Amino acid sequence: MENNYDPNNQEWDEKSQQYLIKDLKQQVVVSKNKAKDNLSICKTCDKFDSKWRICNECGCQMDLKNIVYRLINKSPCPLDKW
């Protein structure tokens, strides 16, 4: 098997026999902090429904959106606030 595949910052892991994201633990820490900051911004927005924790602009349930952000480091605000 060719072990130089790297389209998404991944590297081959012999133990699991699959490609894994490089520095995953560090990326999770950085993304988790960024997701927390993003949610703080959302809470100040007039489009944020605090009772249901939903963005009334894009319809996202913000707790889920932040999980997605932490996993793939992508999930932008439609109002460009973050």
C-alpha atoms as a PDB file:
ATOM      1  CA  MET A   1       0.000   0.000   0.000  1.00  0.00           C
ATOM      2  CA  GLU A   2       1.189   3.514  -0.844  1.00  0.00           C
ATOM      3  CA  ASN A   3       1.720   5.397   2.429  1.00  0.00           C
ATOM      4  CA  ASN A   4       2.261   8.966   1.236  1.00  0.00           C
ATOM      5  CA  TYR A   5      -1.396   9.984   0.895  1.00  0.00           C
ATOM      6  CA  ASP A   6      -1.952  13.432   2.411  1.00  0.00           C
ATOM      7  CA  PRO A   7      -4.897  15.351   0.865  1.00  0.00           C
ATOM      8  CA  ASN A   8      -6.367  16.434   4.203  1.00  0.00           C
ATOM      9  CA  ASN A   9      -3.368  16.533   6.490  1.00  0.00           C
ATOM     10  CA  GLN A  10      -3.606  12.803   7.132  1.00  0.00           C
ATOM     11  CA  GLU A  11      -0.951  10.183   7.710  1.00  0.00           C
ATOM     12  CA  TRP A  12      -0.929   6.416   7.637  1.00  0.00           C
ATOM     13  CA  ASP A  13      -1.195   4.719  11.042  1.00  0.00           C
ATOM     14  CA  GLU A  14       0.278   1.228  11.057  1.00  0.00           C
ATOM     15  CA  LYS A  15      -1.472   0.191  14.265  1.00  0.00           C
ATOM     16  CA  SER A  16      -4.998   0.961  13.056  1.00  0.00           C
ATOM     17  CA  GLN A  17      -4.204   0.364   9.378  1.00  0.00           C
ATOM     18  CA  GLN A  18      -5.953   3.554   8.308  1.00  0.00           C
ATOM     19  CA  TYR A  19      -5.257   7.206   7.607  1.00  0.00           C
ATOM     20  CA  LEU A  20      -5.573   9.521  10.593  1.00  0.00           C
ATOM     21  CA  ILE A  21      -5.462  13.298  10.881  1.00  0.00           C
ATOM     22  CA  LYS A  22      -2.004  14.512  11.861  1.00  0.00           C
ATOM     23  CA  ASP A  23      -1.787  16.079  15.325  1.00  0.00           C
ATOM     24  CA  LEU A  24      -5.444  15.258  15.984  1.00  0.00           C
ATOM     25  CA  LYS A  25      -5.268  15.874  19.735  1.00  0.00           C
ATOM     26  CA  GLN A  26      -3.780  19.346  19.235  1.00  0.00           C
ATOM     27  CA  GLN A  27      -6.345  20.182  16.552  1.00  0.00           C
ATOM     28  CA  VAL A  28      -9.188  19.138  18.862  1.00  0.00           C
ATOM     29  CA  VAL A  29      -7.909  21.455  21.613  1.00  0.00           C
ATOM     30  CA  VAL A  30      -7.593  24.408  19.225  1.00  0.00           C
ATOM     31  CA  SER A  31     -10.963  23.736  17.566  1.00  0.00           C
ATOM     32  CA  LYS A  32     -12.707  23.231  20.909  1.00  0.00           C
ATOM     33  CA  ASN A  33     -11.516  26.618  22.132  1.00  0.00           C
ATOM     34  CA  LYS A  34     -12.504  28.283  18.846  1.00  0.00           C
ATOM     35  CA  ALA A  35     -15.962  26.646  18.956  1.00  0.00           C
ATOM     36  CA  LYS A  36     -16.432  27.951  22.500  1.00  0.00           C
ATOM     37  CA  ASP A  37     -15.469  31.453  21.360  1.00  0.00           C
ATOM     38  CA  ASN A  38     -17.870  31.192  18.408  1.00  0.00           C
ATOM     39  CA  LEU A  39     -20.768  30.229  20.676  1.00  0.00           C
ATOM     40  CA  SER A  40     -20.002  33.233  22.887  1.00  0.00           C
ATOM     41  CA  ILE A  41     -20.351  35.446  19.810  1.00  0.00           C
ATOM     42  CA  CYS A  42     -23.623  33.717  18.868  1.00  0.00           C
ATOM     43  CA  LYS A  43     -25.081  34.417  22.298  1.00  0.00           C
ATOM     44  CA  THR A  44     -24.709  38.160  21.689  1.00  0.00           C
ATOM     45  CA  CYS A  45     -26.402  38.025  18.260  1.00  0.00           C
ATOM     46  CA  ASP A  46     -30.030  39.076  17.811  1.00  0.00           C
ATOM     47  CA  LYS A  47     -30.571  36.003  15.587  1.00  0.00           C
ATOM     48  CA  PHE A  48     -29.708  33.602  18.441  1.00  0.00           C
ATOM     49  CA  ASP A  49     -32.644  31.906  20.206  1.00  0.00           C
ATOM     50  CA  SER A  50     -31.268  31.247  23.697  1.00  0.00           C
ATOM     51  CA  LYS A  51     -34.190  29.044  24.741  1.00  0.00           C
ATOM     52  CA  TRP A  52     -33.623  26.528  21.919  1.00  0.00           C
ATOM     53  CA  ARG A  53     -29.956  27.433  21.261  1.00  0.00           C
ATOM     54  CA  ILE A  54     -30.761  27.836  17.566  1.00  0.00           C
ATOM     55  CA  CYS A  55     -29.534  30.370  15.040  1.00  0.00           C
ATOM     56  CA  ASN A  56     -32.590  31.922  13.415  1.00  0.00           C
ATOM     57  CA  GLU A  57     -30.477  33.020  10.436  1.00  0.00           C
ATOM     58  CA  CYS A  58     -29.201  29.598   9.300  1.00  0.00           C
ATOM     59  CA  GLY A  59     -31.394  27.315  11.415  1.00  0.00           C
ATOM     60  CA  CYS A  60     -28.471  25.494  13.010  1.00  0.00           C
ATOM     61  CA  GLN A  61     -28.753  24.018  16.468  1.00  0.00           C
ATOM     62  CA  MET A  62     -25.642  25.666  17.871  1.00  0.00           C
ATOM     63  CA  ASP A  63     -24.475  22.828  20.113  1.00  0.00           C
ATOM     64  CA  LEU A  64     -24.424  20.534  17.066  1.00  0.00           C
ATOM     65  CA  LYS A  65     -22.810  23.170  14.878  1.00  0.00           C
ATOM     66  CA  ASN A  66     -20.018  23.527  17.405  1.00  0.00           C
ATOM     67  CA  ILE A  67     -19.471  19.755  17.436  1.00  0.00           C
ATOM     68  CA  VAL A  68     -19.156  19.874  13.651  1.00  0.00           C
ATOM     69  CA  TYR A  69     -16.751  22.807  13.951  1.00  0.00           C
ATOM     70  CA  ARG A  70     -14.611  20.849  16.403  1.00  0.00           C
ATOM     71  CA  LEU A  71     -14.553  17.791  14.150  1.00  0.00           C
ATOM     72  CA  ILE A  72     -13.815  19.384  10.801  1.00  0.00           C
ATOM     73  CA  ASN A  73     -12.847  22.938  11.745  1.00  0.00           C
ATOM     74  CA  LYS A  74     -15.459  24.273   9.308  1.00  0.00           C
ATOM     75  CA  SER A  75     -18.951  25.547   9.874  1.00  0.00           C
ATOM     76  CA  PRO A  76     -19.079  29.265   9.194  1.00  0.00           C
ATOM     77  CA  CYS A  77     -21.522  31.827  10.484  1.00  0.00           C
ATOM     78  CA  PRO A  78     -23.827  32.984   7.654  1.00  0.00           C
ATOM     79  CA  LEU A  79     -23.550  36.554   8.982  1.00  0.00           C
ATOM     80  CA  ASP A  80     -19.692  36.410   8.936  1.00  0.00           C
ATOM     81  CA  LYS A  81     -19.462  37.062  12.670  1.00  0.00           C
ATOM     82  CA  TRP A  82     -16.931  34.217  12.985  1.00  0.00           C
END
